[in-house]
């Protein structure tokens, strides 16, 4: 349906929400580590801030890839998110990236990226 508005599939919304959550988690962990004076040997808490800023940038690219329906960039961002998570040991971020890439192979998500038309929020 050329020119018709299409609603985003539920699975794509789950990916979007999980990755939005990833933007905030590093800052929450940083606050908790600083407030409770928690330290992990070999991990500078500033890496959590760097990770959070990088997740914000990657989320912007992810949202753009959804709006432009660029499935290749969409999936590449999950690999980049894993690389972002490694220096800080952000295993939750790695888990979310793996879950997101697995959900991206859902047939409804694939159909969304293959379609044309406006996106209905």
Protein backbone atom coordinates (compact mmCIF):
# COMPACT_ATOMS: atom_id res chain seq x y z
CA UNK A 1 0.00 0.00 0.00
CA UNK A 2 1.93 2.95 -1.28
CA UNK A 3 1.32 6.10 0.74
CA UNK A 4 -0.77 4.41 3.42
CA UNK A 5 0.09 4.73 7.07
CA UNK A 6 1.35 1.58 8.73
CA UNK A 7 1.42 0.86 12.43
CA UNK A 8 4.69 -0.38 13.92
CA UNK A 9 4.55 -4.04 14.95
CA UNK A 10 4.48 -4.86 18.65
CA UNK A 11 7.85 -6.63 18.40
CA UNK A 12 9.46 -3.47 17.01
CA UNK A 13 8.01 -1.48 19.90
CA UNK A 14 9.61 -3.95 22.34
CA UNK A 15 13.00 -3.44 20.66
CA UNK A 16 12.51 0.34 20.81
CA UNK A 17 11.60 0.30 24.53
CA UNK A 18 14.47 -2.03 25.48
CA UNK A 19 16.98 0.18 23.69
CA UNK A 20 15.48 3.33 25.22
CA UNK A 21 15.93 1.71 28.62
CA UNK A 22 19.60 1.12 27.81
CA UNK A 23 20.13 4.89 27.58
CA UNK A 24 19.25 5.38 31.23
CA UNK A 25 20.66 2.29 32.94
CA UNK A 26 24.34 3.35 32.88
CA UNK A 27 23.48 6.64 34.60
CA UNK A 28 21.41 4.83 37.24
CA UNK A 29 24.28 2.42 37.89
CA UNK A 30 26.74 5.32 38.07
CA UNK A 31 24.57 7.08 40.66
CA UNK A 32 24.16 3.92 42.75
CA UNK A 33 27.89 3.12 42.60
CA UNK A 34 28.79 6.67 43.67
CA UNK A 35 26.06 7.04 46.32
CA UNK A 36 26.76 3.68 47.94
CA UNK A 37 30.52 3.93 47.41
CA UNK A 38 30.56 0.66 45.49
CA UNK A 39 33.65 -0.17 43.49
CA UNK A 40 34.51 -2.95 41.10
CA UNK A 41 38.18 -3.67 40.64
CA UNK A 42 39.35 -2.55 37.22
CA UNK A 43 36.22 -0.52 36.42
CA UNK A 44 36.35 3.25 36.54
CA UNK A 45 32.78 4.51 37.11
CA UNK A 46 33.33 7.13 34.40
CA UNK A 47 33.05 4.29 31.88
CA UNK A 48 29.37 4.07 32.85
CA UNK A 49 28.90 7.70 31.82
CA UNK A 50 30.73 7.13 28.53
CA UNK A 51 28.60 4.05 27.92
CA UNK A 52 25.40 6.01 28.60
CA UNK A 53 26.38 8.80 26.21
CA UNK A 54 27.27 6.25 23.52
CA UNK A 55 23.92 4.49 24.03
CA UNK A 56 22.13 7.82 23.56
CA UNK A 57 23.92 8.33 20.24
CA UNK A 58 23.23 4.76 19.13
CA UNK A 59 19.56 5.13 20.06
CA UNK A 60 19.33 8.16 17.79
CA UNK A 61 20.75 6.13 14.91
CA UNK A 62 18.41 3.24 15.77
CA UNK A 63 15.35 5.52 15.70
CA UNK A 64 16.51 6.98 12.39
CA UNK A 65 16.94 3.50 10.93
CA UNK A 66 13.35 2.69 11.93
CA UNK A 67 12.01 5.88 10.36
CA UNK A 68 14.01 5.29 7.17
CA UNK A 69 13.19 1.54 7.26
CA UNK A 70 16.85 0.62 6.96
CA UNK A 71 17.00 -2.93 8.32
CA UNK A 72 20.74 -3.31 7.71
CA UNK A 73 21.64 -0.25 9.79
CA UNK A 74 19.03 -1.33 12.36
CA UNK A 75 20.82 -4.65 12.91
CA UNK A 76 24.32 -3.17 12.70
CA UNK A 77 23.44 -0.90 15.64
CA UNK A 78 22.91 -3.95 17.85
CA UNK A 79 26.46 -5.08 17.08
CA UNK A 80 27.71 -1.60 17.84
CA UNK A 81 25.78 -1.66 21.13
CA UNK A 82 27.66 -4.82 22.11
CA UNK A 83 30.95 -3.05 21.36
CA UNK A 84 29.80 -0.04 23.41
CA UNK A 85 29.00 -2.32 26.36
CA UNK A 86 32.32 -4.19 26.45
CA UNK A 87 34.64 -1.59 28.09
CA UNK A 88 32.23 -1.04 30.99
CA UNK A 89 31.30 -4.71 31.30
CA UNK A 90 27.67 -3.77 30.70
CA UNK A 91 26.30 -7.28 30.42
CA UNK A 92 22.70 -6.06 30.61
CA UNK A 93 23.37 -3.98 27.50
CA UNK A 94 24.88 -6.98 25.73
CA UNK A 95 21.83 -9.04 26.68
CA UNK A 96 19.44 -6.39 25.39
CA UNK A 97 21.38 -6.17 22.12
CA UNK A 98 21.22 -9.94 21.65
CA UNK A 99 17.49 -10.03 22.45
CA UNK A 100 16.88 -7.10 20.08
CA UNK A 101 18.69 -8.72 17.16
CA UNK A 102 16.79 -11.97 17.72
CA UNK A 103 13.45 -10.14 17.78
CA UNK A 104 14.44 -8.27 14.60
CA UNK A 105 14.19 -11.57 12.69
CA UNK A 106 10.46 -11.78 13.51
CA UNK A 107 8.39 -11.91 10.31
CA UNK A 108 6.30 -8.86 11.29
CA UNK A 109 9.43 -6.77 11.90
CA UNK A 110 10.93 -7.94 8.60
CA UNK A 111 7.67 -7.09 6.82
CA UNK A 112 7.67 -3.62 8.38
CA UNK A 113 11.15 -2.86 7.04
CA UNK A 114 10.23 -4.26 3.61
CA UNK A 115 7.11 -2.09 3.34
CA UNK A 116 6.80 1.51 2.19
CA UNK A 117 4.56 4.30 3.34
CA UNK A 118 4.24 6.56 6.35
CA UNK A 119 4.70 5.25 9.86
CA UNK A 120 1.73 5.55 12.20
CA UNK A 121 2.86 6.06 15.81
